[in-house]
C-alpha cells in the first residue's frame, strides 16, 4: 500500500483509516473503489457530524429555543466552510438537493429575464445537468442554445469554435471546470474573459473539478458556480455560489413569506440541515490534512499535494492501460490539464461487461455515458459507453495495478 507523505504525519494509509468502506472485501479481496467520479466514499467524521445534528440539535430555523438557535449557527458555519472551500463569502453560498436541482432553479430564475432570440452557450464536454436546464429555456422563453465543439482526438475544448459562437446576443455561458467523463480541465478564466467581454454571465459546473483541485471563484471570475458535496467526501447535498448582488436580485420562484435576503432566498423550503453539517465536516476533514493559518490555507496545501499525487496515479493508469492490446483510452494525456479520471474501452467487450468482470476482482469502476451524453457520442461510443476509473484521496498505486491487471485479463479473453 502507498504511504507517501502528504503532510508531516499524514500518509495515504492514515487518510484511508478515515473511510470505513475501505475495509469491505469481496471474495477475500479488499475492494478498490474507482467510482469516485460518481460519488466518493464517506469518512467517519462526516457521518458522525450528521448523526450528531439529527440526534442532538434537530430543529427548524429562526425560533427562540436552543435547538433552533443551534441549527441557525450550524447553517452559518456551513456557509463559512463552503465559502472557504470555494474562496467566496458566506453570503454567496446557498444549498440545495444537488447541483442538477440547483441549476434548474437558477436557470428558471435567470430565464425570467431572457427574451426570444437571446442565446446561451454550452460545450460538448458538459454533463447534461449543465445542458438540460438551459435547454428548457428554448421552449419556455424562445432562447437559442448554442454548443461549442470538443476536439475528439484530444478531448479538449475547441476554443476557436467557442469564441466564434459568442456574440452580443449571448446572455450566459455554461461551462464545466472539468469533464466528469474524461477528466479534461477547461481554462475557466479564459472562458469568463471571453464571455464578459460580450456582456454575458458565466455559470461553472465544478462538480468534477472540486474533488481534485481547489476551486477559486475569484480566480475564475465567474458569476455562478455549483458543485455537489458527495463528490468530495460529503453527503448528498448541492452547493451554489453566486455573486451576492446577483443572488439578491434573481427573480426566483419562492414563497412570499420566506426570507428575501441572499443567500437564504435561493433555498426553497426546509433545507437538508444534516447534509449541511456533513458538508462542513467534509471540508474540515480535508483541511485537517494540510497545514496553514486558516482553513483556506490548509485546503490549498492539501489540494496541491493531492493533485500531485493524483497526477502520478493517473500517469501510472494511463501508461498501463494504453499499453494493452485492444484497449483504447480517451481524453488528454497525463501531461495536459486534467483530473485523475480515466475513460477507456476494451475492443469487443461492452462497458457493462468490463465493469462486471472488474467487480468480480473487487475493483469497482463505473460504465456508461455518465450523463455526458453528447461527449460520449462524439467519442464514437454512443449506446456503448465507456468504462470510467477515477482516483480519489484514498486510491493507492497498488489499487491502480489491480485495475490494470484486471483489464489485461479481460482484454486477453475477448
Protein backbone atom coordinates (compact mmCIF):
# COMPACT_ATOMS: atom_id res chain seq x y z
CA UNK A 1 0.00 0.00 0.00
CA UNK A 2 1.23 3.51 -0.83
CA UNK A 3 2.35 5.51 2.18
CA UNK A 4 3.79 8.65 0.62
CA UNK A 5 3.51 11.64 2.93
CA UNK A 6 1.06 14.40 2.08
CA UNK A 7 1.88 16.47 5.14
CA UNK A 8 4.01 15.65 8.18
CA UNK A 9 2.27 12.77 9.94
CA UNK A 10 -0.45 12.35 7.27
CA UNK A 11 0.15 9.46 4.89
CA UNK A 12 -2.22 7.88 2.40
CA UNK A 13 -2.55 4.94 4.78
CA UNK A 14 -3.63 7.32 7.55
CA UNK A 15 -6.14 9.05 5.27
CA UNK A 16 -7.60 5.65 4.42
CA UNK A 17 -8.27 4.98 8.10
CA UNK A 18 -10.96 7.67 7.99
CA UNK A 19 -13.02 5.67 5.46
CA UNK A 20 -14.78 2.58 6.89
CA UNK A 21 -15.90 1.47 3.40
CA UNK A 22 -12.28 0.66 2.55
CA UNK A 23 -12.49 -2.28 4.95
CA UNK A 24 -15.01 -4.00 2.68
CA UNK A 25 -13.89 -7.21 0.99
CA UNK A 26 -15.26 -9.29 -1.85
CA UNK A 27 -14.22 -12.89 -2.40
CA UNK A 28 -11.48 -12.28 0.13
CA UNK A 29 -10.07 -9.23 -1.70
CA UNK A 30 -10.26 -5.66 -0.40
CA UNK A 31 -12.49 -3.54 -2.62
CA UNK A 32 -10.72 -0.91 -4.71
CA UNK A 33 -13.11 1.98 -5.33
CA UNK A 34 -12.60 3.74 -8.67
CA UNK A 35 -16.19 5.03 -8.76
CA UNK A 36 -15.37 8.36 -7.07
CA UNK A 37 -16.37 10.49 -10.09
CA UNK A 38 -19.91 9.25 -9.49
CA UNK A 39 -19.69 9.68 -5.71
CA UNK A 40 -16.80 9.24 -3.31
CA UNK A 41 -16.75 7.12 -0.18
CA UNK A 42 -17.65 8.93 3.04
CA UNK A 43 -15.34 9.40 6.02
CA UNK A 44 -16.44 8.56 9.53
CA UNK A 45 -16.33 12.23 10.62
CA UNK A 46 -18.99 13.20 8.09
CA UNK A 47 -21.41 10.51 9.27
CA UNK A 48 -20.77 11.43 12.90
CA UNK A 49 -21.48 15.11 12.21
CA UNK A 50 -24.76 14.27 10.53
CA UNK A 51 -25.73 11.86 13.28
CA UNK A 52 -24.85 14.39 15.99
CA UNK A 53 -27.00 17.03 14.33
CA UNK A 54 -30.02 14.76 13.94
CA UNK A 55 -29.77 13.24 17.43
CA UNK A 56 -28.89 16.35 19.43
CA UNK A 57 -29.71 19.56 17.56
CA UNK A 58 -32.53 18.77 15.12
CA UNK A 59 -34.94 21.70 14.63
CA UNK A 60 -36.13 24.17 12.06
CA UNK A 61 -34.61 27.63 11.90
CA UNK A 62 -35.18 31.13 13.31
CA UNK A 63 -37.02 30.26 16.50
CA UNK A 64 -36.26 31.31 20.08
CA UNK A 65 -35.29 27.98 21.61
CA UNK A 66 -31.87 26.30 21.84
CA UNK A 67 -32.04 23.60 19.15
CA UNK A 68 -33.36 26.09 16.60
CA UNK A 69 -30.60 28.54 17.50
CA UNK A 70 -28.05 25.72 17.25
CA UNK A 71 -29.38 24.95 13.79
CA UNK A 72 -29.02 28.61 12.80
CA UNK A 73 -25.41 28.54 13.98
CA UNK A 74 -24.72 25.30 12.12
CA UNK A 75 -26.14 26.72 8.88
CA UNK A 76 -23.95 29.80 9.20
CA UNK A 77 -20.88 27.64 9.82
CA UNK A 78 -21.76 25.56 6.76
CA UNK A 79 -21.84 28.73 4.66
CA UNK A 80 -18.47 29.75 6.12
CA UNK A 81 -16.92 26.34 5.46
CA UNK A 82 -18.08 26.17 1.85
CA UNK A 83 -17.09 29.81 1.34
CA UNK A 84 -13.57 28.86 2.39
CA UNK A 85 -13.73 25.84 0.09
CA UNK A 86 -14.71 27.97 -2.92
CA UNK A 87 -12.94 31.25 -1.96
CA UNK A 88 -16.25 33.06 -1.64
CA UNK A 89 -18.03 34.85 1.20
CA UNK A 90 -20.68 33.15 3.38
CA UNK A 91 -23.46 35.31 1.95
CA UNK A 92 -22.65 33.93 -1.53
CA UNK A 93 -23.27 30.28 -0.59
CA UNK A 94 -26.63 28.55 -0.98
CA UNK A 95 -27.53 24.87 -0.57
CA UNK A 96 -29.90 22.56 -2.39
CA UNK A 97 -30.59 18.92 -3.19
CA UNK A 98 -27.72 18.61 -5.69
CA UNK A 99 -26.03 20.52 -8.50
CA UNK A 100 -28.68 19.46 -11.03
CA UNK A 101 -31.61 20.74 -8.97
CA UNK A 102 -29.82 23.99 -8.14
CA UNK A 103 -29.01 24.56 -11.81
CA UNK A 104 -32.63 24.07 -12.88
CA UNK A 105 -33.64 26.51 -10.12
CA UNK A 106 -31.07 29.08 -11.25
CA UNK A 107 -31.94 28.65 -14.92
CA UNK A 108 -35.62 29.28 -14.26
CA UNK A 109 -34.76 32.45 -12.32
CA UNK A 110 -32.36 33.79 -14.96
CA UNK A 111 -34.71 32.78 -17.76
CA UNK A 112 -37.42 35.11 -16.47
CA UNK A 113 -35.22 37.95 -17.69
CA UNK A 114 -34.40 36.46 -21.12
CA UNK A 115 -36.15 37.31 -24.36
CA UNK A 116 -36.77 35.25 -27.51
CA UNK A 117 -33.58 35.21 -29.55
CA UNK A 118 -31.26 35.58 -26.57
CA UNK A 119 -28.51 32.96 -26.60
CA UNK A 120 -26.84 30.58 -24.15
CA UNK A 121 -23.57 28.85 -24.98
CA UNK A 122 -22.55 25.48 -23.51
CA UNK A 123 -19.95 22.93 -24.65
CA UNK A 124 -19.89 19.33 -25.82
CA UNK A 125 -17.86 18.45 -22.71
CA UNK A 126 -20.79 19.05 -20.38
CA UNK A 127 -22.65 16.73 -18.07
CA UNK A 128 -26.26 17.25 -19.17
CA UNK A 129 -27.02 18.88 -15.83
CA UNK A 130 -25.31 21.86 -17.45
CA UNK A 131 -27.31 21.46 -20.66
CA UNK A 132 -30.89 20.45 -19.86
CA UNK A 133 -31.71 23.40 -17.52
CA UNK A 134 -30.68 25.88 -20.24
CA UNK A 135 -32.25 23.78 -22.97
CA UNK A 136 -35.58 24.06 -21.15
CA UNK A 137 -35.46 27.81 -21.75
CA UNK A 138 -35.60 27.25 -25.50
CA UNK A 139 -39.20 26.11 -25.02
CA UNK A 140 -40.11 28.39 -22.16
CA UNK A 141 -38.51 31.64 -23.37
CA UNK A 142 -37.51 31.12 -27.00
CA UNK A 143 -33.83 31.20 -26.10
CA UNK A 144 -31.29 29.82 -28.59
CA UNK A 145 -28.91 27.20 -27.20
CA UNK A 146 -25.52 27.02 -28.87
CA UNK A 147 -22.93 24.28 -28.29
CA UNK A 148 -19.15 24.74 -28.62
CA UNK A 149 -17.41 21.70 -30.02
CA UNK A 150 -14.87 19.37 -28.45
CA UNK A 151 -11.83 18.03 -30.32
CA UNK A 152 -12.43 14.25 -30.04
CA UNK A 153 -8.79 13.32 -30.64
CA UNK A 154 -7.56 15.32 -27.64
CA UNK A 155 -10.70 15.54 -25.51
CA UNK A 156 -10.20 19.29 -25.25
CA UNK A 157 -12.47 22.23 -25.98
CA UNK A 158 -12.25 23.79 -29.45
CA UNK A 159 -11.56 27.36 -28.36
CA UNK A 160 -11.83 28.74 -31.89
CA UNK A 161 -15.36 27.36 -32.13
CA UNK A 162 -16.16 28.60 -28.62
CA UNK A 163 -15.03 32.14 -29.48
CA UNK A 164 -16.92 32.17 -32.79
CA UNK A 165 -20.20 31.35 -31.09
CA UNK A 166 -20.07 34.23 -28.63
CA UNK A 167 -21.85 37.39 -29.74
CA UNK A 168 -23.87 40.35 -28.49
CA UNK A 169 -26.95 38.14 -28.03
CA UNK A 170 -25.14 35.74 -25.65
CA UNK A 171 -26.63 36.08 -22.18
CA UNK A 172 -24.89 33.20 -20.42
CA UNK A 173 -22.05 30.73 -20.86
CA UNK A 174 -22.35 27.38 -19.07
CA UNK A 175 -19.03 25.57 -18.85
CA UNK A 176 -17.65 22.69 -16.81
CA UNK A 177 -14.40 23.27 -14.97
CA UNK A 178 -13.60 19.61 -15.65
CA UNK A 179 -15.24 16.87 -17.68
CA UNK A 180 -16.82 14.21 -15.48
CA UNK A 181 -16.38 11.61 -18.24
CA UNK A 182 -12.80 12.03 -19.46
CA UNK A 183 -11.20 14.39 -16.93
CA UNK A 184 -10.40 17.35 -19.23
CA UNK A 185 -9.78 20.56 -17.25
CA UNK A 186 -11.07 23.67 -19.01
CA UNK A 187 -9.48 27.10 -18.79
CA UNK A 188 -12.42 28.69 -17.00
CA UNK A 189 -10.73 32.06 -16.61
CA UNK A 190 -10.28 32.25 -20.39
CA UNK A 191 -13.96 31.43 -20.87
CA UNK A 192 -15.07 34.11 -18.40
CA UNK A 193 -12.88 36.75 -20.01
CA UNK A 194 -14.34 35.99 -23.42
CA UNK A 195 -17.91 35.83 -22.08
CA UNK A 196 -17.70 39.00 -20.00
CA UNK A 197 -16.27 40.89 -22.99
CA UNK A 198 -19.61 40.20 -24.74
CA UNK A 199 -21.64 41.15 -21.66
CA UNK A 200 -22.57 37.53 -20.85
CA UNK A 201 -22.68 35.93 -17.41
CA UNK A 202 -20.84 32.68 -16.63
CA UNK A 203 -22.10 29.60 -14.82
CA UNK A 204 -19.49 26.98 -13.91
CA UNK A 205 -20.19 23.31 -13.26
CA UNK A 206 -17.43 22.43 -10.78
CA UNK A 207 -18.82 19.05 -9.70
CA UNK A 208 -15.94 17.00 -11.10
CA UNK A 209 -13.29 19.67 -10.56
CA UNK A 210 -13.95 20.24 -6.85
CA UNK A 211 -12.61 16.90 -5.54
CA UNK A 212 -9.29 17.33 -7.36
CA UNK A 213 -8.29 20.99 -7.48
CA UNK A 214 -9.22 23.74 -5.07
CA UNK A 215 -11.96 25.88 -6.57
CA UNK A 216 -11.31 29.62 -6.63
CA UNK A 217 -14.34 31.58 -7.78
CA UNK A 218 -12.35 34.84 -7.57
CA UNK A 219 -9.68 33.49 -9.89
CA UNK A 220 -12.33 32.04 -12.22
CA UNK A 221 -14.14 35.42 -12.07
CA UNK A 222 -17.38 33.53 -12.66
CA UNK A 223 -20.85 34.77 -11.75
CA UNK A 224 -22.25 31.45 -10.57
CA UNK A 225 -20.75 28.04 -9.75
CA UNK A 226 -22.24 24.80 -8.49
CA UNK A 227 -20.86 21.57 -7.06
CA UNK A 228 -22.06 18.60 -5.03
CA UNK A 229 -20.56 17.58 -1.70
CA UNK A 230 -20.93 13.86 -2.33
CA UNK A 231 -18.17 14.14 -4.95
CA UNK A 232 -15.70 15.45 -2.33
CA UNK A 233 -16.35 13.01 0.52
CA UNK A 234 -19.51 14.65 1.84
CA UNK A 235 -23.21 13.76 1.88
CA UNK A 236 -25.76 14.14 -0.91
CA UNK A 237 -26.20 17.91 -0.95
CA UNK A 238 -25.55 20.56 -3.59
CA UNK A 239 -23.78 23.90 -3.22
CA UNK A 240 -24.36 27.05 -5.28
CA UNK A 241 -22.06 30.06 -5.34
CA UNK A 242 -23.41 33.28 -6.76
CA UNK A 243 -22.09 36.82 -6.54
CA UNK A 244 -24.03 38.33 -3.67
CA UNK A 245 -25.58 41.14 -5.71
CA UNK A 246 -26.79 38.60 -8.27
CA UNK A 247 -28.29 36.25 -5.68
CA UNK A 248 -30.04 39.26 -4.14
CA UNK A 249 -31.57 40.30 -7.46
CA UNK A 250 -32.57 36.96 -9.01
CA UNK A 251 -36.24 36.65 -9.95
CA UNK A 252 -36.59 33.40 -8.02
CA UNK A 253 -39.68 31.25 -7.68
CA UNK A 254 -40.30 31.39 -3.95
CA UNK A 255 -42.93 31.63 -1.23
CA UNK A 256 -43.71 35.23 -0.36
CA UNK A 257 -43.34 34.81 3.43
CA UNK A 258 -39.93 33.13 3.11
CA UNK A 259 -36.68 35.10 3.67
CA UNK A 260 -35.84 37.53 0.90
CA UNK A 261 -32.22 38.13 1.81
CA UNK A 262 -29.39 36.47 -0.09
CA UNK A 263 -28.44 33.66 0.03
CA UNK A 264 -31.46 32.37 2.05
CA UNK A 265 -33.86 33.44 -0.70
CA UNK A 266 -32.33 30.83 -3.04
CA UNK A 267 -33.14 27.96 -0.68
CA UNK A 268 -36.72 26.88 -1.30
CA UNK A 269 -38.44 25.20 1.64
CA UNK A 270 -36.90 23.48 4.66
CA UNK A 271 -33.32 22.54 3.93
CA UNK A 272 -31.23 19.40 4.44
CA UNK A 273 -29.63 20.60 7.67
CA UNK A 274 -27.91 17.32 8.42
CA UNK A 275 -26.43 17.48 4.91
CA UNK A 276 -25.05 20.93 5.65
CA UNK A 277 -23.46 19.59 8.84
CA UNK A 278 -21.93 16.75 6.85
CA UNK A 279 -20.62 19.07 4.12
CA UNK A 280 -18.91 21.19 6.77
CA UNK A 281 -17.32 18.07 8.25
CA UNK A 282 -16.05 17.01 4.82
CA UNK A 283 -14.37 20.39 4.28
CA UNK A 284 -12.92 20.35 7.78
CA UNK A 285 -11.52 16.85 7.37
CA UNK A 286 -9.83 17.80 4.10
CA UNK A 287 -8.43 20.93 5.74
CA UNK A 288 -7.06 18.86 8.63
CA UNK A 289 -4.76 17.04 6.19
CA UNK A 290 -2.98 20.32 5.33
CA UNK A 291 -1.02 22.98 7.15
CA UNK A 292 -1.76 26.69 7.35
CA UNK A 293 -3.04 29.53 9.50
CA UNK A 294 -6.54 29.49 8.04
CA UNK A 295 -8.91 26.83 6.73
CA UNK A 296 -8.39 28.14 3.18
CA UNK A 297 -4.60 27.91 3.53
CA UNK A 298 -4.90 24.36 4.86
CA UNK A 299 -7.14 23.42 1.95
CA UNK A 300 -4.70 24.95 -0.53
CA UNK A 301 -1.81 22.96 0.94
CA UNK A 302 -3.56 19.61 0.88
CA UNK A 303 -5.15 20.07 -2.55
CA UNK A 304 -1.80 20.95 -4.09
CA UNK A 305 -0.33 17.73 -2.72
CA UNK A 306 -3.36 15.58 -3.52
CA UNK A 307 -3.32 16.88 -7.09
CA UNK A 308 0.36 16.00 -7.43
CA UNK A 309 -0.28 12.53 -6.06
CA UNK A 310 -3.38 12.03 -8.21
CA UNK A 311 -1.42 13.04 -11.30
CA UNK A 312 1.19 10.37 -10.57
CA UNK A 313 -1.51 7.73 -10.11
CA UNK A 314 -3.18 8.77 -13.33
CA UNK A 315 0.10 8.59 -15.26
CA UNK A 316 0.53 5.04 -13.94
CA UNK A 317 -3.03 4.18 -15.05
CA UNK A 318 -2.69 5.82 -18.47
CA UNK A 319 0.62 4.13 -19.25
CA UNK A 320 -0.62 0.74 -18.03
CA UNK A 321 -3.95 0.74 -19.85
CA UNK A 322 -2.79 2.36 -23.09
CA UNK A 323 -0.11 -0.32 -23.45
CA UNK A 324 -2.70 -3.14 -23.53
CA UNK A 325 -3.77 -4.66 -26.85
CA UNK A 326 -7.43 -3.99 -27.58
CA UNK A 327 -7.73 -1.20 -25.00
CA UNK A 328 -8.44 2.36 -26.08
CA UNK A 329 -8.07 5.34 -23.74
CA UNK A 330 -9.79 8.72 -24.16
CA UNK A 331 -9.09 12.28 -23.14
CA UNK A 332 -5.97 14.37 -22.59
CA UNK A 333 -2.68 12.62 -21.75
CA UNK A 334 -1.06 12.87 -18.30
CA UNK A 335 0.96 16.00 -19.15
CA UNK A 336 -2.17 18.00 -20.08
CA UNK A 337 -4.51 19.80 -17.65
CA UNK A 338 -6.80 17.04 -16.35
CA UNK A 339 -8.12 15.23 -13.33
CA UNK A 340 -7.05 11.66 -12.43
CA UNK A 341 -10.10 10.18 -14.18
CA UNK A 342 -9.67 7.63 -16.96
CA UNK A 343 -12.18 6.67 -19.66
CA UNK A 344 -11.42 3.58 -21.73
CA UNK A 345 -12.96 0.78 -23.77
CA UNK A 346 -11.97 -2.83 -24.44
CA UNK A 347 -12.46 -3.94 -28.03
CA UNK A 348 -15.25 -6.50 -28.36
CA UNK A 349 -16.35 -6.21 -24.73
CA UNK A 350 -19.18 -3.91 -23.66
CA UNK A 351 -18.50 -1.30 -20.98
CA UNK A 352 -21.09 -3.01 -18.79
CA UNK A 353 -19.35 -6.37 -19.11
CA UNK A 354 -15.94 -4.84 -18.38
CA UNK A 355 -17.35 -3.27 -15.22
CA UNK A 356 -18.95 -6.57 -14.18
CA UNK A 357 -15.74 -8.53 -14.70
CA UNK A 358 -13.70 -5.97 -12.79
CA UNK A 359 -16.21 -6.14 -9.94
CA UNK A 360 -15.59 -9.89 -9.74
CA UNK A 361 -11.99 -8.93 -8.98
CA UNK A 362 -13.15 -6.48 -6.27
CA UNK A 363 -12.36 -3.49 -8.48
CA UNK A 364 -15.32 -1.11 -8.73
CA UNK A 365 -15.40 1.09 -11.85
CA UNK A 366 -18.45 2.64 -13.46
CA UNK A 367 -19.71 2.33 -17.04
CA UNK A 368 -21.98 4.17 -19.48
CA UNK A 369 -22.07 7.81 -20.55
CA UNK A 370 -22.33 9.37 -17.05
CA UNK A 371 -24.86 11.92 -18.39
CA UNK A 372 -22.08 13.36 -20.59
CA UNK A 373 -24.14 12.00 -23.47
CA UNK A 374 -23.01 14.41 -26.18
CA UNK A 375 -19.34 13.91 -25.37
CA UNK A 376 -19.56 10.11 -25.40
CA UNK A 377 -21.36 10.29 -28.75
CA UNK A 378 -18.55 12.47 -30.12
CA UNK A 379 -16.07 9.85 -28.95
CA UNK A 380 -17.90 7.31 -31.12
CA UNK A 381 -19.29 5.34 -28.18
CA UNK A 382 -22.99 6.19 -28.37
CA UNK A 383 -25.12 3.34 -26.98
CA UNK A 384 -21.91 1.51 -25.98
CA UNK A 385 -20.50 3.78 -23.33
CA UNK A 386 -17.04 3.79 -21.79
CA UNK A 387 -15.57 2.48 -18.56
CA UNK A 388 -14.58 5.21 -16.13
CA UNK A 389 -11.99 4.80 -13.37
CA UNK A 390 -11.24 7.73 -11.09
CA UNK A 391 -8.61 8.19 -8.40
CA UNK A 392 -9.58 9.71 -5.04
CA UNK A 393 -7.60 10.77 -1.98
CA UNK A 394 -7.67 7.16 -0.74
CA UNK A 395 -6.51 5.49 -4.00
CA UNK A 396 -3.18 3.66 -3.93
CA UNK A 397 -0.66 2.61 -6.58
CA UNK A 398 -1.37 -1.00 -5.66
CA UNK A 399 -5.07 -0.49 -6.49
CA UNK A 400 -4.16 1.07 -9.84
CA UNK A 401 -2.07 -2.02 -10.63
CA UNK A 402 -5.03 -4.23 -9.72
CA UNK A 403 -7.18 -2.27 -12.17
CA UNK A 404 -4.59 -2.61 -14.94
CA UNK A 405 -4.16 -6.33 -14.25
CA UNK A 406 -7.93 -6.85 -14.34
CA UNK A 407 -8.32 -5.03 -17.67
CA UNK A 408 -5.38 -7.00 -19.07
CA UNK A 409 -7.13 -10.28 -18.26
CA UNK A 410 -10.41 -9.06 -19.74
CA UNK A 411 -8.67 -7.92 -22.93
CA UNK A 412 -6.90 -11.26 -23.28
CA UNK A 413 -10.17 -13.16 -23.05
CA UNK A 414 -12.16 -11.07 -25.51
